[in-house]
Amino acid sequence: MEFNFNEFMERYAEEIGGQFSEYDHSKSVIIVPLEENRFQAVLGVIKYNEKFKKMGIEFSSKVCPYSDDIDCKQLVLENAKTCYAKFVIVDDFVKVEGSTFVETTLQEGMKEIIREVAQLADEWELKLTGLDVN
């Protein structure tokens, strides 16, 4: 049976009481409810990994726009404390990303990645901006 990414995302959003939006067959977003009535959007994208020549799933969440006063060393040090999630800078935004390969992951593992990405992005969004933006 072929894995249907958007079906998984929609079912998981329902399971956690979140919101689901589909962009196309390989991209969708879940608004993940967190503690203290906070929420974090996590984008999921299926894409080909050029380096390893196989299909991967990338989950990402925006933290805030990048600025020179952000301590990048602190973010890199924080990467060592997580299992799946890591800080990246993409298109002048600080983001949290977590990824896996389609062929080797289980749905429970993807749920853990989504939770970790959402929690870490929300934690640092609050630290860096004092807001609940994303």
C-alpha atoms as a PDB file:
ATOM      1  CA  MET A   1       0.000   0.000   0.000  1.00  0.00           C
ATOM      2  CA  GLU A   2       1.393   3.399  -1.007  1.00  0.00           C
ATOM      3  CA  PHE A   3       1.869   6.034   1.667  1.00  0.00           C
ATOM      4  CA  ASN A   4      -0.469   9.023   1.287  1.00  0.00           C
ATOM      5  CA  PHE A   5       1.311  11.946   2.900  1.00  0.00           C
ATOM      6  CA  ASN A   6      -1.613  14.378   3.032  1.00  0.00           C
ATOM      7  CA  GLU A   7      -3.938  11.727   4.467  1.00  0.00           C
ATOM      8  CA  PHE A   8      -1.410  11.162   7.233  1.00  0.00           C
ATOM      9  CA  MET A   9      -1.116  14.914   7.890  1.00  0.00           C
ATOM     10  CA  GLU A  10      -4.892  15.360   7.974  1.00  0.00           C
ATOM     11  CA  ARG A  11      -5.422  12.392  10.325  1.00  0.00           C
ATOM     12  CA  TYR A  12      -2.666  13.616  12.628  1.00  0.00           C
ATOM     13  CA  ALA A  13      -4.124  17.139  12.723  1.00  0.00           C
ATOM     14  CA  GLU A  14      -7.499  15.654  13.727  1.00  0.00           C
ATOM     15  CA  GLU A  15      -5.809  13.454  16.353  1.00  0.00           C
ATOM     16  CA  ILE A  16      -4.157  16.416  18.101  1.00  0.00           C
ATOM     17  CA  GLY A  17      -7.004  18.886  17.625  1.00  0.00           C
ATOM     18  CA  GLY A  18      -5.030  20.938  15.108  1.00  0.00           C
ATOM     19  CA  GLN A  19      -5.901  22.374  11.729  1.00  0.00           C
ATOM     20  CA  PHE A  20      -4.865  20.938   8.364  1.00  0.00           C
ATOM     21  CA  SER A  21      -4.421  22.661   5.001  1.00  0.00           C
ATOM     22  CA  GLU A  22      -3.285  20.956   1.803  1.00  0.00           C
ATOM     23  CA  TYR A  23      -1.282  22.900  -0.785  1.00  0.00           C
ATOM     24  CA  ASP A  24      -0.792  20.073  -3.287  1.00  0.00           C
ATOM     25  CA  HIS A  25      -0.114  16.302  -3.293  1.00  0.00           C
ATOM     26  CA  SER A  26       3.329  16.767  -1.728  1.00  0.00           C
ATOM     27  CA  LYS A  27       2.892  19.768   0.582  1.00  0.00           C
ATOM     28  CA  SER A  28       0.589  20.538   3.506  1.00  0.00           C
ATOM     29  CA  VAL A  29       0.583  22.326   6.830  1.00  0.00           C
ATOM     30  CA  ILE A  30      -0.683  21.519  10.314  1.00  0.00           C
ATOM     31  CA  ILE A  31      -1.388  24.149  12.956  1.00  0.00           C
ATOM     32  CA  VAL A  32      -0.173  22.323  16.063  1.00  0.00           C
ATOM     33  CA  PRO A  33      -1.797  23.243  19.395  1.00  0.00           C
ATOM     34  CA  LEU A  34       0.743  23.609  22.205  1.00  0.00           C
ATOM     35  CA  GLU A  35       0.689  24.371  25.929  1.00  0.00           C
ATOM     36  CA  GLU A  36      -0.496  27.717  27.276  1.00  0.00           C
ATOM     37  CA  ASN A  37      -2.935  28.167  24.374  1.00  0.00           C
ATOM     38  CA  ARG A  38      -0.089  28.631  21.869  1.00  0.00           C
ATOM     39  CA  PHE A  39       0.001  27.307  18.307  1.00  0.00           C
ATOM     40  CA  GLN A  40       2.726  26.617  15.758  1.00  0.00           C
ATOM     41  CA  ALA A  41       2.419  25.978  12.018  1.00  0.00           C
ATOM     42  CA  VAL A  42       4.445  23.036  10.716  1.00  0.00           C
ATOM     43  CA  LEU A  43       4.847  22.674   6.960  1.00  0.00           C
ATOM     44  CA  GLY A  44       5.429  19.192   5.586  1.00  0.00           C
ATOM     45  CA  VAL A  45       6.934  18.642   2.138  1.00  0.00           C
ATOM     46  CA  ILE A  46       7.839  15.462   0.289  1.00  0.00           C
ATOM     47  CA  LYS A  47      10.877  16.067  -1.862  1.00  0.00           C
ATOM     48  CA  TYR A  48      13.733  14.272  -3.532  1.00  0.00           C
ATOM     49  CA  ASN A  49      17.024  14.355  -1.625  1.00  0.00           C
ATOM     50  CA  GLU A  50      19.736  14.918  -4.235  1.00  0.00           C
ATOM     51  CA  LYS A  51      22.602  13.942  -1.936  1.00  0.00           C
ATOM     52  CA  PHE A  52      21.182  10.541  -0.982  1.00  0.00           C
ATOM     53  CA  LYS A  53      19.127   9.921  -4.148  1.00  0.00           C
ATOM     54  CA  LYS A  54      15.835   9.081  -2.431  1.00  0.00           C
ATOM     55  CA  MET A  55      12.558  10.641  -1.365  1.00  0.00           C
ATOM     56  CA  GLY A  56      12.463  12.474   1.934  1.00  0.00           C
ATOM     57  CA  ILE A  57       9.926  14.296   4.067  1.00  0.00           C
ATOM     58  CA  GLU A  58      10.883  17.653   5.519  1.00  0.00           C
ATOM     59  CA  PHE A  59       8.923  19.299   8.311  1.00  0.00           C
ATOM     60  CA  SER A  60       9.655  22.967   9.020  1.00  0.00           C
ATOM     61  CA  SER A  61       8.370  25.854  11.087  1.00  0.00           C
ATOM     62  CA  LYS A  62       9.297  29.538  11.027  1.00  0.00           C
ATOM     63  CA  VAL A  63      10.740  31.049  14.197  1.00  0.00           C
ATOM     64  CA  CYS A  64      11.306  34.669  13.149  1.00  0.00           C
ATOM     65  CA  PRO A  65      13.031  36.813  10.529  1.00  0.00           C
ATOM     66  CA  TYR A  66      16.817  36.566  10.740  1.00  0.00           C
ATOM     67  CA  SER A  67      18.699  39.589  12.048  1.00  0.00           C
ATOM     68  CA  ASP A  68      22.342  40.154  12.939  1.00  0.00           C
ATOM     69  CA  ASP A  69      21.560  40.308  16.664  1.00  0.00           C
ATOM     70  CA  ILE A  70      20.481  36.633  16.747  1.00  0.00           C
ATOM     71  CA  ASP A  71      23.143  34.480  18.391  1.00  0.00           C
ATOM     72  CA  CYS A  72      23.690  31.794  15.740  1.00  0.00           C
ATOM     73  CA  LYS A  73      26.190  29.975  17.955  1.00  0.00           C
ATOM     74  CA  GLN A  74      23.473  29.537  20.582  1.00  0.00           C
ATOM     75  CA  LEU A  75      21.144  28.062  17.949  1.00  0.00           C
ATOM     76  CA  VAL A  76      23.843  25.627  16.771  1.00  0.00           C
ATOM     77  CA  LEU A  77      24.483  24.592  20.381  1.00  0.00           C
ATOM     78  CA  GLU A  78      20.738  24.068  20.790  1.00  0.00           C
ATOM     79  CA  ASN A  79      20.794  21.677  17.794  1.00  0.00           C
ATOM     80  CA  ALA A  80      22.818  19.232  19.880  1.00  0.00           C
ATOM     81  CA  LYS A  81      19.987  19.013  22.433  1.00  0.00           C
ATOM     82  CA  THR A  82      17.339  17.746  20.027  1.00  0.00           C
ATOM     83  CA  CYS A  83      16.692  14.415  18.379  1.00  0.00           C
ATOM     84  CA  TYR A  84      15.109  15.394  15.058  1.00  0.00           C
ATOM     85  CA  ALA A  85      14.853  19.168  14.891  1.00  0.00           C
ATOM     86  CA  LYS A  86      17.585  21.595  13.890  1.00  0.00           C
ATOM     87  CA  PHE A  87      17.830  25.339  13.376  1.00  0.00           C
ATOM     88  CA  VAL A  88      18.396  26.605   9.842  1.00  0.00           C
ATOM     89  CA  ILE A  89      18.300  29.965   8.099  1.00  0.00           C
ATOM     90  CA  VAL A  90      16.298  29.919   4.863  1.00  0.00           C
ATOM     91  CA  ASP A  91      15.239  32.969   2.861  1.00  0.00           C
ATOM     92  CA  ASP A  92      16.263  35.264   5.739  1.00  0.00           C
ATOM     93  CA  PHE A  93      14.098  33.390   8.269  1.00  0.00           C
ATOM     94  CA  VAL A  94      15.250  31.368  11.246  1.00  0.00           C
ATOM     95  CA  LYS A  95      13.392  28.069  10.993  1.00  0.00           C
ATOM     96  CA  VAL A  96      13.329  24.711  12.712  1.00  0.00           C
ATOM     97  CA  GLU A  97      13.467  21.681  10.418  1.00  0.00           C
ATOM     98  CA  GLY A  98      13.254  17.954  10.936  1.00  0.00           C
ATOM     99  CA  SER A  99      13.434  15.364   8.199  1.00  0.00           C
ATOM    100  CA  THR A 100      13.349  11.675   7.435  1.00  0.00           C
ATOM    101  CA  PHE A 101      13.336   9.375   4.423  1.00  0.00           C
ATOM    102  CA  VAL A 102       9.981   8.100   3.189  1.00  0.00           C
ATOM    103  CA  GLU A 103      11.153   4.505   2.890  1.00  0.00           C
ATOM    104  CA  THR A 104      12.477   4.196   6.443  1.00  0.00           C
ATOM    105  CA  THR A 105      10.042   6.085   8.606  1.00  0.00           C
ATOM    106  CA  LEU A 106       6.999   5.017  10.540  1.00  0.00           C
ATOM    107  CA  GLN A 107       4.014   7.250  11.087  1.00  0.00           C
ATOM    108  CA  GLU A 108       4.695   7.439  14.842  1.00  0.00           C
ATOM    109  CA  GLY A 109       8.179   8.716  14.048  1.00  0.00           C
ATOM    110  CA  MET A 110       6.767  11.441  11.818  1.00  0.00           C
ATOM    111  CA  LYS A 111       4.400  12.494  14.603  1.00  0.00           C
ATOM    112  CA  GLU A 112       7.387  12.850  16.946  1.00  0.00           C
ATOM    113  CA  ILE A 113       9.249  14.954  14.369  1.00  0.00           C
ATOM    114  CA  ILE A 114       6.238  17.257  13.917  1.00  0.00           C
ATOM    115  CA  ARG A 115       5.850  17.672  17.695  1.00  0.00           C
ATOM    116  CA  GLU A 116       9.542  18.385  18.226  1.00  0.00           C
ATOM    117  CA  VAL A 117       9.696  20.892  15.340  1.00  0.00           C
ATOM    118  CA  ALA A 118       6.576  22.688  16.629  1.00  0.00           C
ATOM    119  CA  GLN A 119       7.726  22.800  20.248  1.00  0.00           C
ATOM    120  CA  LEU A 120      11.260  23.971  19.496  1.00  0.00           C
ATOM    121  CA  ALA A 121      10.124  26.624  17.002  1.00  0.00           C
ATOM    122  CA  ASP A 122       7.508  27.924  19.433  1.00  0.00           C
ATOM    123  CA  GLU A 123       9.963  27.987  22.348  1.00  0.00           C
ATOM    124  CA  TRP A 124      12.503  30.023  20.384  1.00  0.00           C
ATOM    125  CA  GLU A 125       9.892  32.226  18.746  1.00  0.00           C
ATOM    126  CA  LEU A 126       8.851  33.272  22.255  1.00  0.00           C
ATOM    127  CA  LYS A 127      12.494  33.726  23.367  1.00  0.00           C
ATOM    128  CA  LEU A 128      13.456  35.792  20.324  1.00  0.00           C
ATOM    129  CA  THR A 129      10.267  37.790  19.700  1.00  0.00           C
ATOM    130  CA  GLY A 130       8.131  37.502  22.839  1.00  0.00           C
ATOM    131  CA  LEU A 131       5.194  36.651  20.558  1.00  0.00           C
ATOM    132  CA  ASP A 132       3.124  33.747  19.230  1.00  0.00           C
ATOM    133  CA  VAL A 133       3.326  34.571  15.528  1.00  0.00           C
ATOM    134  CA  ASN A 134       3.688  31.330  13.621  1.00  0.00           C
END
